[in-house]
């Protein structure tokens, strides 16, 4: 008993508390990304996010916030959930045999290192996109993105320094391989989305995203020449316009909504609770919606 007590007392405090800390941080990250996922699908405004055509509203609605059309926050939530389960695995799977318990702990630690290394590298790349101006044409500040990156970095540091490793050299060699694979895959995925990202990164694209985030709507009909001209003003970013088809013969019509809104002419914009009839320039739409981002 005395020998066991001595070993427990000699264990570094960071090793004792790293696992519970990782579980707590994973729960925080999971809650954060789940909240962003829910607000995305329900079209709700994100708290602490000033909608002004820049910052987190632009970042969270950009093409960089999706992977093949799927919100990035879903993958983030799964990543945090996986890390939390791995951190808690040795606590959940108790074994009477000390060797078996050590094997479970070592396996969980290794898998946790692999997952946290991949997510750490991916978070770092997203921070680079924010700082480099790749999103929105200028450096952006997204509190949710930064909070998630700091949380993931802390988890990675706790994983590395909060556990005992038999072969540190082999560990970091494995980490380097994971980092290279993750970065290569990330660049490959975003390269395939490069055209959409470029479209959304123009003034027209940023404005279209801003209009979407602020729940603005463009009501029109597929046969309306003025609607076509209005869309052309957005250039290649016209696919990002929050468009509502009012003619029942058009694609994905929402005729009932158009009738409820009292739409009688096309196009009609609904911006900040006001109805604007006829074609509008991008600057007019930006002024009406409170867009304050770059216009170049």
C-alpha atoms as a PDB file:
ATOM      1  CA  UNK A   1       0.000   0.000   0.000  1.00  0.00           C
ATOM      2  CA  UNK A   2       2.777   2.396   0.910  1.00  0.00           C
ATOM      3  CA  UNK A   3       4.514   1.748  -2.431  1.00  0.00           C
ATOM      4  CA  UNK A   4       1.290   2.494  -4.321  1.00  0.00           C
ATOM      5  CA  UNK A   5       0.754   5.673  -2.332  1.00  0.00           C
ATOM      6  CA  UNK A   6       4.311   6.776  -3.056  1.00  0.00           C
ATOM      7  CA  UNK A   7       3.859   6.245  -6.800  1.00  0.00           C
ATOM      8  CA  UNK A   8       0.631   8.242  -6.757  1.00  0.00           C
ATOM      9  CA  UNK A   9       2.248  11.086  -4.856  1.00  0.00           C
ATOM     10  CA  UNK A  10       5.229  11.113  -7.216  1.00  0.00           C
ATOM     11  CA  UNK A  11       3.044  11.360 -10.315  1.00  0.00           C
ATOM     12  CA  UNK A  12       3.282  14.887 -11.770  1.00  0.00           C
ATOM     13  CA  UNK A  13       0.188  17.005 -11.135  1.00  0.00           C
ATOM     14  CA  UNK A  14      -0.175  17.686 -14.861  1.00  0.00           C
ATOM     15  CA  UNK A  15      -0.413  13.951 -15.541  1.00  0.00           C
ATOM     16  CA  UNK A  16      -3.082  13.578 -12.854  1.00  0.00           C
ATOM     17  CA  UNK A  17      -5.261  16.420 -14.101  1.00  0.00           C
ATOM     18  CA  UNK A  18      -4.672  16.426 -17.858  1.00  0.00           C
ATOM     19  CA  UNK A  19      -7.308  13.802 -18.587  1.00  0.00           C
ATOM     20  CA  UNK A  20     -10.174  15.459 -16.636  1.00  0.00           C
ATOM     21  CA  UNK A  21      -9.119  18.804 -18.114  1.00  0.00           C
ATOM     22  CA  UNK A  22      -9.274  17.395 -21.654  1.00  0.00           C
ATOM     23  CA  UNK A  23     -12.746  15.998 -20.959  1.00  0.00           C
ATOM     24  CA  UNK A  24     -13.902  19.417 -19.715  1.00  0.00           C
ATOM     25  CA  UNK A  25     -12.369  21.258 -22.676  1.00  0.00           C
ATOM     26  CA  UNK A  26     -13.865  18.743 -25.101  1.00  0.00           C
ATOM     27  CA  UNK A  27     -17.308  19.315 -23.592  1.00  0.00           C
ATOM     28  CA  UNK A  28     -16.843  23.063 -24.001  1.00  0.00           C
ATOM     29  CA  UNK A  29     -15.727  22.674 -27.628  1.00  0.00           C
ATOM     30  CA  UNK A  30     -18.551  20.237 -28.352  1.00  0.00           C
ATOM     31  CA  UNK A  31     -21.112  22.649 -26.891  1.00  0.00           C
ATOM     32  CA  UNK A  32     -19.663  25.555 -28.880  1.00  0.00           C
ATOM     33  CA  UNK A  33     -19.660  23.770 -32.238  1.00  0.00           C
ATOM     34  CA  UNK A  34     -23.075  22.203 -31.601  1.00  0.00           C
ATOM     35  CA  UNK A  35     -24.515  25.661 -30.882  1.00  0.00           C
ATOM     36  CA  UNK A  36     -23.089  26.996 -34.152  1.00  0.00           C
ATOM     37  CA  UNK A  37     -24.464  23.979 -36.029  1.00  0.00           C
ATOM     38  CA  UNK A  38     -27.959  24.453 -34.604  1.00  0.00           C
ATOM     39  CA  UNK A  39     -28.024  28.186 -35.368  1.00  0.00           C
ATOM     40  CA  UNK A  40     -26.848  27.435 -38.912  1.00  0.00           C
ATOM     41  CA  UNK A  41     -29.634  24.985 -39.697  1.00  0.00           C
ATOM     42  CA  UNK A  42     -32.336  27.085 -38.001  1.00  0.00           C
ATOM     43  CA  UNK A  43     -31.118  30.292 -39.645  1.00  0.00           C
ATOM     44  CA  UNK A  44     -30.717  32.068 -36.319  1.00  0.00           C
ATOM     45  CA  UNK A  45     -28.374  34.940 -35.533  1.00  0.00           C
ATOM     46  CA  UNK A  46     -25.274  33.863 -33.623  1.00  0.00           C
ATOM     47  CA  UNK A  47     -24.870  35.513 -30.223  1.00  0.00           C
ATOM     48  CA  UNK A  48     -21.977  37.956 -29.700  1.00  0.00           C
ATOM     49  CA  UNK A  49     -21.613  38.235 -33.462  1.00  0.00           C
ATOM     50  CA  UNK A  50     -22.222  41.727 -34.833  1.00  0.00           C
ATOM     51  CA  UNK A  51     -23.633  41.443 -38.325  1.00  0.00           C
ATOM     52  CA  UNK A  52     -21.809  44.030 -40.388  1.00  0.00           C
ATOM     53  CA  UNK A  53     -20.511  42.275 -43.478  1.00  0.00           C
ATOM     54  CA  UNK A  54     -17.267  41.299 -41.825  1.00  0.00           C
ATOM     55  CA  UNK A  55     -16.058  39.335 -38.816  1.00  0.00           C
ATOM     56  CA  UNK A  56     -17.702  36.151 -37.616  1.00  0.00           C
ATOM     57  CA  UNK A  57     -20.900  36.564 -39.666  1.00  0.00           C
ATOM     58  CA  UNK A  58     -18.796  36.578 -42.834  1.00  0.00           C
ATOM     59  CA  UNK A  59     -16.479  33.795 -41.673  1.00  0.00           C
ATOM     60  CA  UNK A  60     -19.252  31.444 -40.541  1.00  0.00           C
ATOM     61  CA  UNK A  61     -21.159  31.879 -43.801  1.00  0.00           C
ATOM     62  CA  UNK A  62     -18.143  31.647 -46.137  1.00  0.00           C
ATOM     63  CA  UNK A  63     -17.254  28.664 -48.300  1.00  0.00           C
ATOM     64  CA  UNK A  64     -14.332  28.003 -45.950  1.00  0.00           C
ATOM     65  CA  UNK A  65     -16.892  27.199 -43.239  1.00  0.00           C
ATOM     66  CA  UNK A  66     -18.101  24.193 -45.241  1.00  0.00           C
ATOM     67  CA  UNK A  67     -16.636  20.972 -46.546  1.00  0.00           C
ATOM     68  CA  UNK A  68     -18.507  19.754 -49.615  1.00  0.00           C
ATOM     69  CA  UNK A  69     -21.495  21.790 -48.469  1.00  0.00           C
ATOM     70  CA  UNK A  70     -21.494  20.350 -44.936  1.00  0.00           C
ATOM     71  CA  UNK A  71     -20.981  22.918 -42.132  1.00  0.00           C
ATOM     72  CA  UNK A  72     -17.494  22.631 -40.666  1.00  0.00           C
ATOM     73  CA  UNK A  73     -18.967  22.864 -37.172  1.00  0.00           C
ATOM     74  CA  UNK A  74     -20.405  19.348 -37.522  1.00  0.00           C
ATOM     75  CA  UNK A  75     -16.916  17.930 -38.033  1.00  0.00           C
ATOM     76  CA  UNK A  76     -15.672  20.056 -35.147  1.00  0.00           C
ATOM     77  CA  UNK A  77     -18.362  18.680 -32.837  1.00  0.00           C
ATOM     78  CA  UNK A  78     -17.457  15.110 -33.831  1.00  0.00           C
ATOM     79  CA  UNK A  79     -13.774  15.845 -33.228  1.00  0.00           C
ATOM     80  CA  UNK A  80     -14.409  17.215 -29.736  1.00  0.00           C
ATOM     81  CA  UNK A  81     -16.729  14.323 -28.918  1.00  0.00           C
ATOM     82  CA  UNK A  82     -14.069  11.811 -30.013  1.00  0.00           C
ATOM     83  CA  UNK A  83     -11.377  13.504 -27.916  1.00  0.00           C
ATOM     84  CA  UNK A  84     -13.640  13.608 -24.870  1.00  0.00           C
ATOM     85  CA  UNK A  85     -14.471   9.914 -25.178  1.00  0.00           C
ATOM     86  CA  UNK A  86     -10.813   8.954 -25.629  1.00  0.00           C
ATOM     87  CA  UNK A  87      -9.784  11.031 -22.612  1.00  0.00           C
ATOM     88  CA  UNK A  88     -12.459   9.377 -20.490  1.00  0.00           C
ATOM     89  CA  UNK A  89     -11.890   5.859 -21.822  1.00  0.00           C
ATOM     90  CA  UNK A  90      -9.394   4.743 -19.124  1.00  0.00           C
ATOM     91  CA  UNK A  91     -11.773   6.110 -16.498  1.00  0.00           C
ATOM     92  CA  UNK A  92     -14.720   4.215 -17.969  1.00  0.00           C
ATOM     93  CA  UNK A  93     -12.944   0.912 -18.731  1.00  0.00           C
ATOM     94  CA  UNK A  94     -11.488  -0.030 -15.373  1.00  0.00           C
ATOM     95  CA  UNK A  95      -9.481  -3.260 -15.308  1.00  0.00           C
ATOM     96  CA  UNK A  96      -8.297  -5.157 -12.240  1.00  0.00           C
ATOM     97  CA  UNK A  97      -5.177  -6.257 -14.077  1.00  0.00           C
ATOM     98  CA  UNK A  98      -2.704  -3.300 -13.896  1.00  0.00           C
ATOM     99  CA  UNK A  99      -1.095  -4.290 -17.215  1.00  0.00           C
ATOM    100  CA  UNK A 100      -4.454  -4.351 -18.995  1.00  0.00           C
ATOM    101  CA  UNK A 101      -5.295  -0.953 -17.536  1.00  0.00           C
ATOM    102  CA  UNK A 102      -1.973   0.462 -18.699  1.00  0.00           C
ATOM    103  CA  UNK A 103      -2.568  -0.901 -22.220  1.00  0.00           C
ATOM    104  CA  UNK A 104      -5.965   0.783 -22.383  1.00  0.00           C
ATOM    105  CA  UNK A 105      -4.463   4.064 -21.198  1.00  0.00           C
ATOM    106  CA  UNK A 106      -1.578   3.913 -23.686  1.00  0.00           C
ATOM    107  CA  UNK A 107      -3.935   3.111 -26.581  1.00  0.00           C
ATOM    108  CA  UNK A 108      -6.283   5.941 -25.602  1.00  0.00           C
ATOM    109  CA  UNK A 109      -3.335   8.336 -25.277  1.00  0.00           C
ATOM    110  CA  UNK A 110      -1.969   7.427 -28.699  1.00  0.00           C
ATOM    111  CA  UNK A 111      -5.348   7.770 -30.431  1.00  0.00           C
ATOM    112  CA  UNK A 112      -5.940  11.043 -28.589  1.00  0.00           C
ATOM    113  CA  UNK A 113      -2.581  12.319 -29.819  1.00  0.00           C
ATOM    114  CA  UNK A 114      -3.422  11.363 -33.415  1.00  0.00           C
ATOM    115  CA  UNK A 115      -6.843  13.044 -33.364  1.00  0.00           C
ATOM    116  CA  UNK A 116      -5.697  16.156 -31.480  1.00  0.00           C
ATOM    117  CA  UNK A 117      -2.692  16.567 -33.807  1.00  0.00           C
ATOM    118  CA  UNK A 118      -4.923  16.459 -36.885  1.00  0.00           C
ATOM    119  CA  UNK A 119      -7.443  18.909 -35.444  1.00  0.00           C
ATOM    120  CA  UNK A 120      -4.631  21.156 -34.147  1.00  0.00           C
ATOM    121  CA  UNK A 121      -3.106  21.444 -37.624  1.00  0.00           C
ATOM    122  CA  UNK A 122      -6.503  22.044 -39.226  1.00  0.00           C
ATOM    123  CA  UNK A 123      -7.327  24.762 -36.657  1.00  0.00           C
ATOM    124  CA  UNK A 124      -3.970  26.378 -37.354  1.00  0.00           C
ATOM    125  CA  UNK A 125      -4.728  26.511 -41.073  1.00  0.00           C
ATOM    126  CA  UNK A 126      -8.101  28.145 -40.390  1.00  0.00           C
ATOM    127  CA  UNK A 127      -6.376  30.759 -38.239  1.00  0.00           C
ATOM    128  CA  UNK A 128      -4.004  31.413 -41.144  1.00  0.00           C
ATOM    129  CA  UNK A 129      -6.999  31.999 -43.435  1.00  0.00           C
ATOM    130  CA  UNK A 130      -8.446  34.495 -40.953  1.00  0.00           C
ATOM    131  CA  UNK A 131      -5.194  36.392 -40.485  1.00  0.00           C
ATOM    132  CA  UNK A 132      -4.150  36.400 -44.152  1.00  0.00           C
ATOM    133  CA  UNK A 133      -7.344  37.991 -45.444  1.00  0.00           C
ATOM    134  CA  UNK A 134      -8.262  34.928 -47.500  1.00  0.00           C
ATOM    135  CA  UNK A 135     -11.790  35.369 -46.142  1.00  0.00           C
ATOM    136  CA  UNK A 136     -13.362  38.712 -46.910  1.00  0.00           C
ATOM    137  CA  UNK A 137     -10.276  40.244 -48.493  1.00  0.00           C
ATOM    138  CA  UNK A 138      -8.905  41.482 -45.171  1.00  0.00           C
ATOM    139  CA  UNK A 139      -7.961  39.984 -41.768  1.00  0.00           C
ATOM    140  CA  UNK A 140     -11.040  38.887 -39.844  1.00  0.00           C
ATOM    141  CA  UNK A 141     -11.788  38.433 -36.149  1.00  0.00           C
ATOM    142  CA  UNK A 142     -14.094  35.524 -35.318  1.00  0.00           C
ATOM    143  CA  UNK A 143     -14.449  34.971 -31.577  1.00  0.00           C
ATOM    144  CA  UNK A 144     -15.922  31.497 -32.046  1.00  0.00           C
ATOM    145  CA  UNK A 145     -13.141  30.422 -34.403  1.00  0.00           C
ATOM    146  CA  UNK A 146     -10.441  31.764 -32.098  1.00  0.00           C
ATOM    147  CA  UNK A 147     -12.048  30.185 -29.027  1.00  0.00           C
ATOM    148  CA  UNK A 148     -12.194  26.816 -30.767  1.00  0.00           C
ATOM    149  CA  UNK A 149      -8.574  27.110 -31.937  1.00  0.00           C
ATOM    150  CA  UNK A 150      -7.364  27.995 -28.429  1.00  0.00           C
ATOM    151  CA  UNK A 151      -9.369  25.107 -26.964  1.00  0.00           C
ATOM    152  CA  UNK A 152      -7.963  22.636 -29.491  1.00  0.00           C
ATOM    153  CA  UNK A 153      -4.409  23.897 -28.950  1.00  0.00           C
ATOM    154  CA  UNK A 154      -4.788  23.468 -25.191  1.00  0.00           C
ATOM    155  CA  UNK A 155      -6.089  19.923 -25.648  1.00  0.00           C
ATOM    156  CA  UNK A 156      -3.103  19.081 -27.854  1.00  0.00           C
ATOM    157  CA  UNK A 157      -0.636  20.518 -25.325  1.00  0.00           C
ATOM    158  CA  UNK A 158      -2.292  18.618 -22.454  1.00  0.00           C
ATOM    159  CA  UNK A 159      -2.179  15.433 -24.508  1.00  0.00           C
ATOM    160  CA  UNK A 160       1.531  15.816 -25.274  1.00  0.00           C
ATOM    161  CA  UNK A 161       2.783  17.046 -21.905  1.00  0.00           C
ATOM    162  CA  UNK A 162       0.144  15.500 -19.669  1.00  0.00           C
ATOM    163  CA  UNK A 163       1.076  11.886 -20.407  1.00  0.00           C
ATOM    164  CA  UNK A 164       4.120   9.661 -20.227  1.00  0.00           C
ATOM    165  CA  UNK A 165       5.447   8.482 -23.583  1.00  0.00           C
ATOM    166  CA  UNK A 166       7.803   5.538 -24.105  1.00  0.00           C
ATOM    167  CA  UNK A 167       9.369   6.856 -27.307  1.00  0.00           C
ATOM    168  CA  UNK A 168       9.097  10.627 -27.719  1.00  0.00           C
ATOM    169  CA  UNK A 169      10.979  10.584 -31.021  1.00  0.00           C
ATOM    170  CA  UNK A 170       8.593   8.062 -32.545  1.00  0.00           C
ATOM    171  CA  UNK A 171       5.662  10.044 -31.170  1.00  0.00           C
ATOM    172  CA  UNK A 172       6.658  13.267 -32.900  1.00  0.00           C
ATOM    173  CA  UNK A 173       7.550  11.403 -36.088  1.00  0.00           C
ATOM    174  CA  UNK A 174       4.002  10.060 -36.090  1.00  0.00           C
ATOM    175  CA  UNK A 175       2.719  13.551 -35.343  1.00  0.00           C
ATOM    176  CA  UNK A 176       4.649  14.942 -38.309  1.00  0.00           C
ATOM    177  CA  UNK A 177       3.110  12.339 -40.616  1.00  0.00           C
ATOM    178  CA  UNK A 178      -0.376  13.170 -39.293  1.00  0.00           C
ATOM    179  CA  UNK A 179       0.288  16.893 -39.789  1.00  0.00           C
ATOM    180  CA  UNK A 180       1.460  16.408 -43.394  1.00  0.00           C
ATOM    181  CA  UNK A 181      -1.514  14.201 -44.275  1.00  0.00           C
ATOM    182  CA  UNK A 182      -3.971  16.591 -42.623  1.00  0.00           C
ATOM    183  CA  UNK A 183      -2.530  19.677 -44.296  1.00  0.00           C
ATOM    184  CA  UNK A 184      -2.386  17.969 -47.701  1.00  0.00           C
ATOM    185  CA  UNK A 185      -5.997  16.809 -47.390  1.00  0.00           C
ATOM    186  CA  UNK A 186      -7.105  20.261 -46.215  1.00  0.00           C
ATOM    187  CA  UNK A 187      -5.410  22.029 -49.120  1.00  0.00           C
ATOM    188  CA  UNK A 188      -6.866  19.501 -51.521  1.00  0.00           C
ATOM    189  CA  UNK A 189     -10.404  19.934 -50.220  1.00  0.00           C
ATOM    190  CA  UNK A 190     -10.261  23.719 -50.253  1.00  0.00           C
ATOM    191  CA  UNK A 191      -8.635  23.708 -53.684  1.00  0.00           C
ATOM    192  CA  UNK A 192     -11.705  21.939 -55.027  1.00  0.00           C
ATOM    193  CA  UNK A 193     -13.804  24.675 -53.443  1.00  0.00           C
ATOM    194  CA  UNK A 194     -11.485  27.411 -54.668  1.00  0.00           C
ATOM    195  CA  UNK A 195     -13.866  28.784 -57.279  1.00  0.00           C
ATOM    196  CA  UNK A 196     -16.713  29.118 -54.806  1.00  0.00           C
ATOM    197  CA  UNK A 197     -14.349  30.629 -52.271  1.00  0.00           C
ATOM    198  CA  UNK A 198     -13.127  33.173 -54.824  1.00  0.00           C
ATOM    199  CA  UNK A 199     -16.708  34.082 -55.698  1.00  0.00           C
ATOM    200  CA  UNK A 200     -17.653  34.557 -52.063  1.00  0.00           C
ATOM    201  CA  UNK A 201     -14.497  36.590 -51.461  1.00  0.00           C
ATOM    202  CA  UNK A 202     -15.497  39.341 -53.930  1.00  0.00           C
ATOM    203  CA  UNK A 203     -17.565  42.369 -52.902  1.00  0.00           C
ATOM    204  CA  UNK A 204     -20.599  40.807 -54.580  1.00  0.00           C
ATOM    205  CA  UNK A 205     -19.965  37.512 -52.808  1.00  0.00           C
ATOM    206  CA  UNK A 206     -19.460  39.118 -49.402  1.00  0.00           C
ATOM    207  CA  UNK A 207     -22.581  41.205 -49.889  1.00  0.00           C
ATOM    208  CA  UNK A 208     -24.638  38.157 -50.916  1.00  0.00           C
ATOM    209  CA  UNK A 209     -23.458  36.313 -47.794  1.00  0.00           C
ATOM    210  CA  UNK A 210     -24.228  39.348 -45.649  1.00  0.00           C
ATOM    211  CA  UNK A 211     -27.737  39.571 -47.117  1.00  0.00           C
ATOM    212  CA  UNK A 212     -28.241  35.889 -46.338  1.00  0.00           C
ATOM    213  CA  UNK A 213     -27.005  36.212 -42.755  1.00  0.00           C
ATOM    214  CA  UNK A 214     -29.259  39.231 -42.135  1.00  0.00           C
ATOM    215  CA  UNK A 215     -32.262  37.253 -43.456  1.00  0.00           C
ATOM    216  CA  UNK A 216     -32.696  39.509 -46.489  1.00  0.00           C
ATOM    217  CA  UNK A 217     -34.622  38.076 -49.441  1.00  0.00           C
ATOM    218  CA  UNK A 218     -34.861  38.733 -53.151  1.00  0.00           C
ATOM    219  CA  UNK A 219     -38.314  37.818 -54.472  1.00  0.00           C
ATOM    220  CA  UNK A 220     -38.543  37.139 -58.192  1.00  0.00           C
ATOM    221  CA  UNK A 221     -39.779  34.936 -61.010  1.00  0.00           C
ATOM    222  CA  UNK A 222     -37.814  32.797 -63.432  1.00  0.00           C
ATOM    223  CA  UNK A 223     -39.275  34.587 -66.469  1.00  0.00           C
ATOM    224  CA  UNK A 224     -38.619  38.112 -65.157  1.00  0.00           C
ATOM    225  CA  UNK A 225     -35.920  39.945 -67.220  1.00  0.00           C
ATOM    226  CA  UNK A 226     -35.337  42.503 -64.450  1.00  0.00           C
ATOM    227  CA  UNK A 227     -34.671  39.658 -62.010  1.00  0.00           C
ATOM    228  CA  UNK A 228     -32.086  38.253 -64.406  1.00  0.00           C
ATOM    229  CA  UNK A 229     -30.439  41.666 -64.701  1.00  0.00           C
ATOM    230  CA  UNK A 230     -30.422  41.995 -60.913  1.00  0.00           C
ATOM    231  CA  UNK A 231     -28.688  38.635 -60.547  1.00  0.00           C
ATOM    232  CA  UNK A 232     -26.129  39.560 -63.206  1.00  0.00           C
ATOM    233  CA  UNK A 233     -25.041  42.489 -61.033  1.00  0.00           C
ATOM    234  CA  UNK A 234     -23.634  39.873 -58.624  1.00  0.00           C
ATOM    235  CA  UNK A 235     -21.633  38.214 -61.398  1.00  0.00           C
ATOM    236  CA  UNK A 236     -20.362  34.735 -60.551  1.00  0.00           C
ATOM    237  CA  UNK A 237     -21.596  35.188 -56.967  1.00  0.00           C
ATOM    238  CA  UNK A 238     -25.254  35.240 -58.042  1.00  0.00           C
ATOM    239  CA  UNK A 239     -25.662  31.675 -56.769  1.00  0.00           C
ATOM    240  CA  UNK A 240     -25.128  33.061 -53.270  1.00  0.00           C
ATOM    241  CA  UNK A 241     -28.094  35.455 -53.472  1.00  0.00           C
ATOM    242  CA  UNK A 242     -30.888  34.640 -50.965  1.00  0.00           C
ATOM    243  CA  UNK A 243     -33.399  34.237 -53.797  1.00  0.00           C
ATOM    244  CA  UNK A 244     -37.074  33.295 -53.436  1.00  0.00           C
ATOM    245  CA  UNK A 245     -38.900  31.983 -56.519  1.00  0.00           C
ATOM    246  CA  UNK A 246     -42.509  33.213 -56.571  1.00  0.00           C
ATOM    247  CA  UNK A 247     -43.827  31.586 -59.740  1.00  0.00           C
ATOM    248  CA  UNK A 248     -45.245  28.090 -59.076  1.00  0.00           C
ATOM    249  CA  UNK A 249     -43.710  26.888 -62.356  1.00  0.00           C
ATOM    250  CA  UNK A 250     -40.209  27.932 -61.308  1.00  0.00           C
ATOM    251  CA  UNK A 251     -37.582  25.886 -59.476  1.00  0.00           C
ATOM    252  CA  UNK A 252     -38.257  25.404 -55.752  1.00  0.00           C
ATOM    253  CA  UNK A 253     -41.135  27.905 -55.678  1.00  0.00           C
ATOM    254  CA  UNK A 254     -42.347  29.499 -52.440  1.00  0.00           C
ATOM    255  CA  UNK A 255     -45.547  30.973 -53.799  1.00  0.00           C
ATOM    256  CA  UNK A 256     -47.345  31.046 -50.464  1.00  0.00           C
ATOM    257  CA  UNK A 257     -44.545  33.054 -48.862  1.00  0.00           C
ATOM    258  CA  UNK A 258     -44.630  35.553 -51.740  1.00  0.00           C
ATOM    259  CA  UNK A 259     -48.381  35.951 -51.302  1.00  0.00           C
ATOM    260  CA  UNK A 260     -48.014  36.437 -47.555  1.00  0.00           C
ATOM    261  CA  UNK A 261     -45.421  39.149 -48.172  1.00  0.00           C
ATOM    262  CA  UNK A 262     -47.721  40.886 -50.667  1.00  0.00           C
ATOM    263  CA  UNK A 263     -45.231  40.694 -53.543  1.00  0.00           C
ATOM    264  CA  UNK A 264     -46.762  42.271 -56.664  1.00  0.00           C
ATOM    265  CA  UNK A 265     -43.695  43.130 -58.744  1.00  0.00           C
ATOM    266  CA  UNK A 266     -40.298  41.608 -59.468  1.00  0.00           C
ATOM    267  CA  UNK A 267     -37.691  41.859 -58.255  1.00  0.00           C
ATOM    268  CA  UNK A 268     -38.581  42.932 -54.730  1.00  0.00           C
ATOM    269  CA  UNK A 269     -36.011  42.983 -51.949  1.00  0.00           C
ATOM    270  CA  UNK A 270     -36.880  42.476 -48.299  1.00  0.00           C
ATOM    271  CA  UNK A 271     -34.090  44.008 -46.214  1.00  0.00           C
ATOM    272  CA  UNK A 272     -34.261  44.766 -42.504  1.00  0.00           C
ATOM    273  CA  UNK A 273     -38.061  44.527 -42.565  1.00  0.00           C
ATOM    274  CA  UNK A 274     -38.429  46.971 -45.484  1.00  0.00           C
ATOM    275  CA  UNK A 275     -39.573  46.200 -49.027  1.00  0.00           C
ATOM    276  CA  UNK A 276     -37.509  47.646 -51.886  1.00  0.00           C
ATOM    277  CA  UNK A 277     -39.009  47.320 -55.387  1.00  0.00           C
ATOM    278  CA  UNK A 278     -37.065  47.114 -58.622  1.00  0.00           C
ATOM    279  CA  UNK A 279     -33.434  46.539 -59.510  1.00  0.00           C
ATOM    280  CA  UNK A 280     -30.831  47.887 -57.095  1.00  0.00           C
ATOM    281  CA  UNK A 281     -27.109  48.468 -57.400  1.00  0.00           C
ATOM    282  CA  UNK A 282     -24.791  46.558 -55.099  1.00  0.00           C
ATOM    283  CA  UNK A 283     -24.003  49.774 -53.251  1.00  0.00           C
ATOM    284  CA  UNK A 284     -27.689  50.468 -52.679  1.00  0.00           C
ATOM    285  CA  UNK A 285     -28.190  46.953 -51.293  1.00  0.00           C
ATOM    286  CA  UNK A 286     -25.099  47.326 -49.117  1.00  0.00           C
ATOM    287  CA  UNK A 287     -26.318  50.643 -47.689  1.00  0.00           C
ATOM    288  CA  UNK A 288     -29.837  49.314 -47.069  1.00  0.00           C
ATOM    289  CA  UNK A 289     -28.575  46.178 -45.293  1.00  0.00           C
ATOM    290  CA  UNK A 290     -25.947  47.904 -43.138  1.00  0.00           C
ATOM    291  CA  UNK A 291     -23.027  46.200 -44.835  1.00  0.00           C
ATOM    292  CA  UNK A 292     -19.741  47.808 -43.753  1.00  0.00           C
ATOM    293  CA  UNK A 293     -17.203  45.416 -45.241  1.00  0.00           C
ATOM    294  CA  UNK A 294     -14.790  46.109 -48.090  1.00  0.00           C
ATOM    295  CA  UNK A 295     -16.360  47.089 -51.424  1.00  0.00           C
ATOM    296  CA  UNK A 296     -13.613  46.054 -53.793  1.00  0.00           C
END
